[in-house]
Protein backbone atom coordinates (compact mmCIF):
# COMPACT_ATOMS: atom_id res chain seq x y z
CA MET A 1 31.47 -110.93 5.13
CA ALA A 2 32.24 -111.62 1.45
CA TYR A 3 33.84 -108.19 1.17
CA GLY A 4 36.93 -109.17 3.18
CA PRO A 5 38.26 -111.77 0.71
CA VAL A 6 37.42 -109.52 -2.25
CA PHE A 7 39.33 -106.65 -0.65
CA ALA A 8 42.29 -108.96 0.05
CA GLY A 9 42.24 -110.15 -3.54
CA LEU A 10 42.27 -106.60 -4.93
CA LEU A 11 45.07 -105.80 -2.49
CA LEU A 12 47.37 -108.11 -4.43
CA LEU A 13 47.76 -105.19 -6.86
CA TRP A 14 49.22 -103.01 -4.08
CA PRO A 15 52.96 -103.82 -4.51
CA LEU A 16 52.84 -103.37 -8.29
CA LEU A 17 50.97 -100.07 -8.09
CA ALA A 18 53.35 -98.85 -5.38
CA VAL A 19 56.42 -99.59 -7.50
CA LEU A 20 54.84 -97.75 -10.43
CA GLY A 21 54.56 -94.59 -8.34
CA THR A 22 51.28 -95.11 -6.41
CA LEU A 23 49.19 -93.27 -9.04
CA GLY A 24 47.13 -96.44 -9.49
CA PHE A 25 45.96 -96.35 -5.86
CA ALA A 26 43.03 -94.08 -6.75
CA PRO A 27 41.51 -96.54 -9.27
CA LEU A 28 42.18 -99.38 -6.81
CA LEU A 29 40.31 -97.43 -4.11
CA GLY A 30 37.46 -96.98 -6.57
CA LEU A 31 37.24 -100.75 -7.03
CA THR A 32 37.32 -101.45 -3.28
CA GLY A 33 34.70 -98.74 -2.70
CA ILE A 34 32.34 -100.18 -5.30
CA ALA A 35 32.88 -103.69 -3.90
CA ALA A 36 32.07 -102.40 -0.39
CA LEU A 37 28.86 -100.79 -1.63
CA LEU A 38 27.75 -104.01 -3.31
CA LEU A 39 28.93 -106.57 -0.76
CA ALA A 40 29.24 -104.92 2.65
CA ARG A 41 26.37 -102.41 2.43
CA PRO A 42 27.73 -99.79 4.84
CA LYS A 43 25.39 -98.56 7.55
CA MET A 44 23.76 -95.15 7.50
CA PRO A 45 24.02 -92.50 8.82
CA PRO A 46 27.81 -92.04 8.92
CA PRO A 47 29.51 -91.64 12.33
CA VAL A 48 30.13 -88.17 13.76
CA TYR A 49 33.77 -87.93 12.69
CA ALA A 50 32.75 -88.85 9.13
CA LEU A 51 30.19 -86.02 9.17
CA PHE A 52 32.93 -83.52 10.03
CA ALA A 53 35.10 -84.99 7.27
CA ILE A 54 32.19 -84.71 4.83
CA ALA A 55 31.67 -81.09 5.87
CA PHE A 56 35.36 -80.33 5.26
CA ILE A 57 35.35 -82.01 1.85
CA GLY A 58 32.13 -80.20 0.95
CA TRP A 59 33.57 -76.83 1.96
CA ALA A 60 36.77 -77.50 0.01
CA ALA A 61 34.72 -78.41 -3.07
CA ILE A 62 32.61 -75.26 -2.76
CA SER A 63 35.77 -73.13 -2.46
CA GLU A 64 36.62 -73.96 -6.06
CA ILE A 65 33.95 -71.41 -7.01
CA TRP A 66 36.20 -68.51 -6.00
CA SER A 67 39.52 -70.18 -6.75
CA PRO A 68 41.70 -68.60 -9.47
CA ALA A 69 42.60 -72.16 -10.52
CA THR A 70 39.04 -73.01 -11.55
CA THR A 71 38.86 -74.66 -14.98
CA GLN A 72 36.18 -76.25 -17.12
CA LEU A 73 34.38 -79.27 -15.73
CA VAL A 74 35.80 -81.82 -18.17
CA SER A 75 38.05 -81.70 -21.22
CA GLY A 76 39.14 -83.99 -24.03
CA SER A 77 37.41 -87.08 -25.34
CA LEU A 78 37.20 -90.71 -24.27
CA ILE A 79 37.45 -91.76 -27.92
CA GLU A 80 40.66 -89.80 -28.45
CA GLY A 81 42.10 -90.96 -25.14
CA ASN A 82 42.68 -87.46 -23.70
CA PHE A 83 39.64 -87.20 -21.45
CA ALA A 84 40.31 -85.40 -18.16
CA ILE A 85 38.29 -84.04 -15.24
CA GLY A 86 39.21 -80.37 -15.01
CA ALA A 87 37.21 -79.58 -11.87
CA ARG A 88 39.46 -80.68 -9.02
CA SER A 89 36.52 -80.65 -6.64
CA ILE A 90 35.04 -83.68 -8.44
CA VAL A 91 38.24 -85.68 -7.95
CA VAL A 92 38.37 -84.69 -4.25
CA VAL A 93 34.74 -85.66 -3.65
CA LEU A 94 35.04 -88.98 -5.52
CA THR A 95 38.22 -89.92 -3.62
CA ALA A 96 36.58 -89.11 -0.28
CA THR A 97 33.45 -91.06 -1.22
CA PHE A 98 35.33 -94.21 -2.22
CA ALA A 99 37.54 -93.91 0.87
CA MET A 100 34.52 -93.75 3.17
CA LEU A 101 32.86 -96.70 1.40
CA THR A 102 36.05 -98.78 1.63
CA ILE A 103 36.56 -98.05 5.32
CA ALA A 104 32.86 -98.54 6.13
CA GLY A 105 32.95 -101.86 4.28
CA ALA A 106 35.96 -102.98 6.30
CA MET A 107 34.06 -102.20 9.50
CA ARG A 108 31.42 -104.76 8.50
CA SER A 109 33.74 -107.53 7.29
CA GLN A 110 36.46 -109.92 8.41
CA LEU A 111 39.40 -111.82 6.99
CA GLY A 112 40.04 -115.52 7.30
CA PRO A 113 43.43 -116.82 8.50
CA GLN A 114 44.70 -117.27 4.95
CA THR A 115 43.58 -113.87 3.64
CA ARG A 116 45.01 -112.21 6.75
CA LYS A 117 48.39 -113.64 5.75
CA TRP A 118 47.87 -112.17 2.27
CA VAL A 119 47.72 -108.69 3.78
CA TYR A 120 50.97 -109.15 5.66
CA GLY A 121 52.56 -110.83 2.65
CA VAL A 122 51.63 -107.95 0.35
CA LEU A 123 53.21 -105.43 2.73
CA ILE A 124 56.35 -107.54 3.18
CA LEU A 125 56.69 -107.78 -0.60
CA GLN A 126 56.37 -104.01 -0.89
CA GLY A 127 59.04 -103.55 1.77
CA GLY A 128 61.40 -105.85 -0.10
CA LEU A 129 60.81 -103.93 -3.34
CA VAL A 130 61.46 -100.64 -1.55
CA PHE A 131 64.82 -101.90 -0.31
CA ILE A 132 65.78 -103.37 -3.69
CA SER A 133 64.77 -100.18 -5.52
CA ALA A 134 67.07 -98.15 -3.29
CA LEU A 135 69.98 -100.51 -3.95
CA VAL A 136 69.61 -100.57 -7.73
CA ALA A 137 68.18 -97.08 -8.24
CA ARG A 138 71.21 -95.44 -9.84
CA PRO A 139 72.00 -98.05 -12.54
CA ALA A 140 68.31 -98.75 -13.14
CA LEU A 141 67.43 -95.07 -13.61
CA ALA A 142 70.42 -94.58 -15.90
CA LEU A 143 69.30 -97.56 -17.98
CA ILE A 144 65.69 -96.39 -18.24
CA TYR A 145 66.08 -92.62 -18.51
CA GLY A 146 69.64 -92.18 -19.78
CA ASP A 147 71.95 -89.43 -18.53
CA ASP A 148 69.37 -86.62 -18.58
CA PRO A 149 68.60 -85.71 -14.93
CA ASN A 150 65.38 -83.96 -16.01
CA HIS A 151 64.00 -87.29 -17.22
CA ALA A 152 65.41 -89.33 -14.33
CA VAL A 153 63.53 -87.17 -11.81
CA ASN A 154 60.32 -89.03 -12.72
CA GLY A 155 61.89 -92.32 -11.67
CA VAL A 156 63.26 -90.81 -8.47
CA GLN A 157 59.81 -89.47 -7.60
CA ASN A 158 58.21 -92.87 -8.18
CA ILE A 159 60.72 -94.51 -5.85
CA GLY A 160 60.15 -91.76 -3.28
CA ARG A 161 56.37 -92.17 -3.38
CA ASN A 162 56.75 -95.92 -2.91
CA MET A 163 58.97 -95.33 0.12
CA ASN A 164 56.55 -92.83 1.63
CA THR A 165 53.68 -95.25 1.17
CA PHE A 166 55.62 -98.07 2.79
CA ALA A 167 56.49 -95.76 5.70
CA VAL A 168 52.73 -95.36 6.27
CA VAL A 169 52.09 -99.15 6.41
CA LEU A 170 55.37 -99.97 8.17
CA PRO A 171 53.66 -99.62 11.60
CA ILE A 172 51.36 -102.54 10.73
CA LEU A 173 54.32 -104.84 10.12
CA ALA A 174 56.52 -103.46 12.91
CA ALA A 175 53.73 -103.63 15.50
CA ALA A 176 52.71 -107.16 14.48
CA SER A 177 56.32 -108.36 14.72
CA GLY A 178 57.06 -106.58 18.00
CA ALA A 179 53.80 -107.79 19.58
CA ARG A 180 55.18 -111.34 19.57
CA ARG A 181 57.35 -110.21 22.52
CA ASP A 182 60.13 -112.66 21.68
CA ARG A 183 63.64 -112.07 20.41
CA LEU A 184 62.80 -112.99 16.83
CA GLY A 185 59.82 -110.62 16.73
CA LEU A 186 61.79 -107.71 18.16
CA LEU A 187 64.65 -108.35 15.74
CA ALA A 188 62.19 -108.44 12.83
CA ALA A 189 60.55 -105.17 13.91
CA SER A 190 63.94 -103.48 14.37
CA GLY A 191 65.16 -104.83 11.05
CA LEU A 192 62.12 -103.45 9.21
CA VAL A 193 62.63 -100.00 10.71
CA LEU A 194 66.36 -99.95 9.99
CA MET A 195 65.82 -101.25 6.45
CA THR A 196 63.33 -98.46 5.74
CA LEU A 197 65.62 -95.81 7.19
CA PHE A 198 68.58 -97.11 5.21
CA ALA A 199 66.61 -97.16 1.94
CA ALA A 200 65.27 -93.64 2.57
CA LEU A 201 68.72 -92.24 3.36
CA MET A 202 70.19 -93.86 0.25
CA MET A 203 67.60 -91.99 -1.85
CA ASP A 204 67.79 -88.76 0.21
CA ASN A 205 64.10 -89.19 0.99
CA HIS A 206 63.75 -87.05 4.09
CA SER A 207 59.95 -87.43 4.16
CA ALA A 208 60.25 -91.17 4.76
CA VAL A 209 62.88 -90.59 7.45
CA PHE A 210 60.60 -88.12 9.23
CA ALA A 211 57.72 -90.59 8.88
CA VAL A 212 59.70 -93.31 10.67
CA CYS A 213 60.60 -90.82 13.41
CA GLY A 214 56.92 -89.87 13.72
CA MET A 215 55.99 -93.54 13.97
CA LEU A 216 58.51 -94.16 16.77
CA GLY A 217 57.37 -91.04 18.63
CA ALA A 218 53.75 -92.20 18.47
CA PHE A 219 54.78 -95.67 19.69
CA LEU A 220 56.40 -94.03 22.71
CA LEU A 221 53.36 -91.86 23.42
CA ILE A 222 51.01 -94.85 23.45
CA ARG A 223 53.43 -96.76 25.64
CA VAL A 224 53.52 -93.92 28.17
CA LEU A 225 49.78 -93.13 27.98
CA PRO A 226 47.97 -96.48 27.58
CA LYS A 227 44.58 -94.98 28.49
CA THR A 228 44.54 -91.53 26.89
CA GLY A 229 47.25 -91.87 24.25
CA PHE A 230 44.95 -91.71 21.22
CA ARG A 231 43.21 -88.61 22.51
CA TRP A 232 46.53 -86.87 23.04
CA LEU A 233 47.94 -88.01 19.71
CA PHE A 234 44.98 -87.05 17.55
CA GLY A 235 44.39 -83.93 19.64
CA LEU A 236 47.95 -82.76 19.00
CA ILE A 237 47.54 -83.36 15.26
CA ALA A 238 44.24 -81.47 15.24
CA GLY A 239 45.74 -78.64 17.29
CA HIS A 240 48.62 -78.34 14.86
CA ILE A 241 46.21 -78.00 11.94
CA ALA A 242 44.13 -75.43 13.80
CA ALA A 243 47.21 -73.35 14.63
CA ALA A 244 49.30 -74.20 11.54
CA PRO A 245 50.39 -70.63 10.59
CA PHE A 246 51.66 -70.02 14.13
CA MET A 247 53.25 -73.47 14.51
CA VAL A 248 55.05 -73.33 11.16
CA SER A 249 56.27 -69.80 11.84
CA LEU A 250 57.63 -70.96 15.21
CA PHE A 251 59.33 -73.95 13.59
CA ILE A 252 61.03 -71.73 11.00
CA ARG A 253 62.33 -69.42 13.74
CA LEU A 254 63.67 -72.39 15.71
CA MET A 255 65.50 -73.63 12.61
CA ALA A 256 66.91 -70.22 11.71
CA GLY A 257 70.32 -70.95 13.21
CA LEU A 258 70.79 -73.96 10.92
CA ASP A 259 70.47 -72.08 7.62
CA GLY A 260 74.13 -72.59 6.84
CA VAL A 261 73.98 -76.38 7.04
CA LEU A 262 70.58 -77.02 5.50
CA PRO A 263 70.54 -78.04 1.81
CA PRO A 264 69.04 -75.53 -0.65
CA SER A 265 65.96 -77.70 -1.16
CA PHE A 266 65.20 -77.59 2.56
CA ARG A 267 65.73 -73.83 2.83
CA SER A 268 63.50 -73.28 -0.19
CA ARG A 269 60.75 -75.19 1.61
CA PHE A 270 60.88 -72.67 4.47
CA TRP A 271 60.69 -69.73 2.06
CA SER A 272 57.74 -71.32 0.29
CA TRP A 273 55.95 -71.57 3.63
CA GLU A 274 56.68 -67.92 4.39
CA VAL A 275 55.10 -66.84 1.10
CA VAL A 276 52.04 -69.01 1.77
CA MET A 277 51.64 -67.63 5.29
CA SER A 278 51.76 -64.08 3.95
CA ARG A 279 48.98 -64.95 1.49
CA ILE A 280 46.82 -66.57 4.19
CA GLY A 281 46.33 -63.14 5.75
CA GLU A 282 44.68 -61.86 2.55
CA THR A 283 41.61 -64.12 2.94
CA PRO A 284 41.93 -65.70 6.39
CA TYR A 285 38.36 -66.99 6.81
CA THR A 286 37.39 -68.53 3.47
CA GLY A 287 40.80 -69.03 1.85
CA HIS A 288 41.80 -68.43 -1.76
CA GLY A 289 39.92 -71.49 -3.02
CA LEU A 290 40.76 -75.04 -4.04
CA MET A 291 44.15 -75.40 -5.78
CA ALA A 292 44.79 -71.64 -5.57
CA THR A 293 48.42 -72.16 -4.54
CA ARG A 294 49.04 -73.63 -8.00
CA THR A 295 48.57 -70.14 -9.46
CA TRP A 296 51.16 -68.45 -7.23
CA ARG A 297 54.04 -68.28 -9.69
CA ASP A 298 56.44 -65.76 -8.09
CA THR A 299 60.01 -66.89 -8.75
CA TYR A 300 63.14 -66.47 -6.67
CA ALA A 301 64.08 -63.60 -8.98
CA ASP A 302 61.29 -61.69 -7.18
CA TYR A 303 63.06 -62.28 -3.84
CA PRO A 304 66.72 -61.20 -4.32
CA ALA A 305 67.70 -61.88 -0.70
CA TRP A 306 66.67 -65.52 -0.99
CA ALA A 307 68.01 -65.93 -4.51
CA ALA A 308 71.44 -64.78 -3.31
CA GLN A 309 71.66 -67.86 -1.08
CA LEU A 310 70.89 -70.29 -3.90
CA PRO A 311 72.59 -71.43 -7.12
CA GLU A 312 71.98 -69.11 -10.07
CA PHE A 313 69.59 -71.45 -11.89
CA TRP A 314 67.15 -71.34 -8.96
CA LYS A 315 66.07 -67.81 -9.93
CA GLN A 316 63.72 -69.19 -12.58
CA TYR A 317 61.93 -71.55 -10.17
CA PRO A 318 58.65 -70.60 -8.45
CA VAL A 319 58.93 -70.10 -4.70
CA VAL A 320 55.69 -72.06 -4.22
CA PRO A 321 56.18 -75.04 -6.57
CA GLY A 322 52.54 -75.88 -7.30
CA HIS A 323 51.71 -76.35 -3.62
CA PRO A 324 53.53 -75.58 -0.34
CA HIS A 325 54.42 -79.22 0.53
CA ASN A 326 52.74 -78.61 3.87
CA MET A 327 49.14 -79.79 4.06
CA PRO A 328 48.05 -77.78 7.15
CA LEU A 329 49.28 -74.56 5.55
CA GLN A 330 47.61 -75.47 2.26
CA ILE A 331 44.33 -76.10 4.09
CA TRP A 332 44.58 -72.64 5.63
CA ALA A 333 45.61 -70.98 2.35
CA GLU A 334 42.90 -72.57 0.22
CA THR A 335 39.98 -73.22 2.60
CA GLY A 336 40.76 -70.69 5.32
CA PHE A 337 39.85 -70.75 9.00
CA ILE A 338 36.57 -72.53 8.24
CA GLY A 339 38.26 -75.43 6.47
CA ALA A 340 41.02 -75.72 9.08
CA MET A 341 38.52 -75.90 11.95
CA LEU A 342 36.39 -78.54 10.19
CA ALA A 343 39.48 -80.69 9.56
CA ALA A 344 40.68 -80.24 13.14
CA PHE A 345 37.27 -81.18 14.60
CA ALA A 346 37.12 -84.33 12.46
CA ILE A 347 40.54 -85.51 13.67
CA THR A 348 39.74 -84.63 17.30
CA VAL A 349 36.53 -86.69 17.21
CA ILE A 350 38.43 -89.68 15.78
CA GLY A 351 40.79 -89.57 18.76
CA PHE A 352 37.88 -89.56 21.20
CA ARG A 353 35.85 -92.23 19.38
CA LEU A 354 38.70 -94.75 19.21
CA PRO A 355 38.86 -97.29 22.06
CA ARG A 356 41.46 -96.67 24.73
CA PRO A 357 44.84 -98.05 23.57
CA ALA A 358 44.98 -100.53 26.47
CA GLU A 359 41.67 -102.05 25.29
CA LEU A 360 43.17 -103.07 21.94
CA ARG A 361 45.61 -105.86 21.14
CA PRO A 362 49.23 -104.58 21.13
CA GLU A 363 49.72 -105.06 17.37
CA ILE A 364 46.59 -102.98 16.70
CA ARG A 365 47.07 -100.11 19.14
CA PHE A 366 50.70 -99.57 18.15
CA ALA A 367 49.83 -99.85 14.46
CA ILE A 368 47.12 -97.17 14.81
CA ALA A 369 49.45 -94.84 16.67
CA GLY A 370 52.42 -95.48 14.40
CA MET A 371 50.37 -94.91 11.26
CA ALA A 372 49.02 -91.64 12.65
CA GLY A 373 52.53 -90.48 13.56
CA ALA A 374 53.95 -91.42 10.15
CA VAL A 375 51.11 -89.75 8.24
CA PHE A 376 51.39 -86.60 10.35
CA SER A 377 55.09 -86.34 9.50
CA ILE A 378 54.47 -86.76 5.77
CA PHE A 379 51.51 -84.41 6.13
CA ASN A 380 53.91 -81.59 6.99
CA PHE A 381 56.59 -82.07 4.34
CA SER A 382 55.18 -83.72 1.21
CA TYR A 383 52.31 -83.83 -1.23
CA SER A 384 49.41 -81.55 -1.99
CA VAL A 385 46.54 -81.90 0.45
CA TRP A 386 44.37 -82.84 -2.56
CA ASN A 387 46.69 -85.63 -3.79
CA GLU A 388 44.26 -88.46 -4.47
CA ALA A 389 47.00 -91.10 -4.74
CA PHE A 390 48.28 -90.39 -1.21
CA TRP A 391 44.83 -90.36 0.39
CA SER A 392 43.76 -93.45 -1.56
CA GLY A 393 46.79 -95.32 -0.24
CA LEU A 394 46.04 -94.17 3.30
CA ALA A 395 42.37 -95.21 3.05
CA LEU A 396 43.40 -98.66 1.83
CA ALA A 397 45.93 -98.94 4.68
CA VAL A 398 43.28 -97.96 7.24
CA ALA A 399 40.93 -100.58 5.79
CA MET A 400 43.71 -103.19 6.10
CA LEU A 401 44.17 -102.31 9.75
CA ILE A 402 40.43 -102.43 10.48
CA LEU A 403 40.11 -105.86 8.87
CA LEU A 404 43.11 -107.16 10.80
CA HIS A 405 41.56 -105.85 14.02
CA ARG A 406 38.19 -107.44 13.27
CA SER A 407 39.71 -110.76 12.26
CA GLY A 408 40.56 -111.92 15.74
CA LYS A 409 43.98 -112.47 17.19
CA ALA A 410 46.58 -111.62 14.52
CA GLY A 411 49.23 -114.16 13.94
CA GLY A 412 51.85 -111.67 12.81
CA PRO A 413 53.36 -111.35 9.38
CA ALA A 414 54.53 -114.98 9.24
């Protein structure tokens, strides 16, 4: 039980790391994973859904063997300060290992009343910083980075990552506030949602907007299906991953009539997906290998019809900018049918192993559903599927939710 307070103490770093762009979440997950191993002593063997997740991670790591992006195992020197792990598979495996340790540790621990308030307080502080950062972004970025937009983009990305991360944990706060079932609680939940939407719109962060929409959609599903909602929700997510090339192609066709009103950045996302889907057919079963999409450097100059619809300077940009910004498609492109099925099975089993929504306290069942809906939305529009900062943040958020569930009746974010 000592792990709970230690986890809560380490969580005090969460708001600071979020403001700095979330890149520190991976080291923080490493610390919580090591603490779980020493203090909580997770049970063995892992549950069934974890075995499917392990199989997927293992297959993804193996796929680096035939990936064109394969590099040397390590590079640089610790003494010179330029040490780096070149093999991406090592980073993926380490992140997954620490995530499983952290979550397993949370399943064997609890939080006291005071430390439970720390968790809510940390998330409220992050939400306040998200809102403030949106209000002061323009003058602050100009002060830090000057007038060069190429430099300011780093600051914009840090703010965007912070917003996306808060959108993932927003369901914990919104569900805890709404579960009070009084006017103040409902106003607090509505205010949190509106504040997040307002901040995201101010920064043109469409991923966070979609995440909030996904959260609200998941809330509605659990409300309508109090007995089978989790199975439907996680089943739909798994089905989307399993059929990602077809689903994305269908989505692009449905959006075809809006080409004239969509911003160039949004249209370029569709074209990136089309290129990735065409490459999936080259190696449909095993994929091109881990991080292979990073090597696809065709520019818009190679696609004159698309380039004609964009400003002239876009011709020099790669159509697939490092990764497709669509995790299901990237899973298919890099790990193939085998990887997609393993990921889909893991998510399906989670949906069936969770208790029925009606068996959980309202603040827990809605938080689980809302987090799944928010992550699924971000899953389809942002980040590489191997982004350790994103998955580290999600693992920490899941551990928070498990500890809140195990710590008895939550008192809300007061």
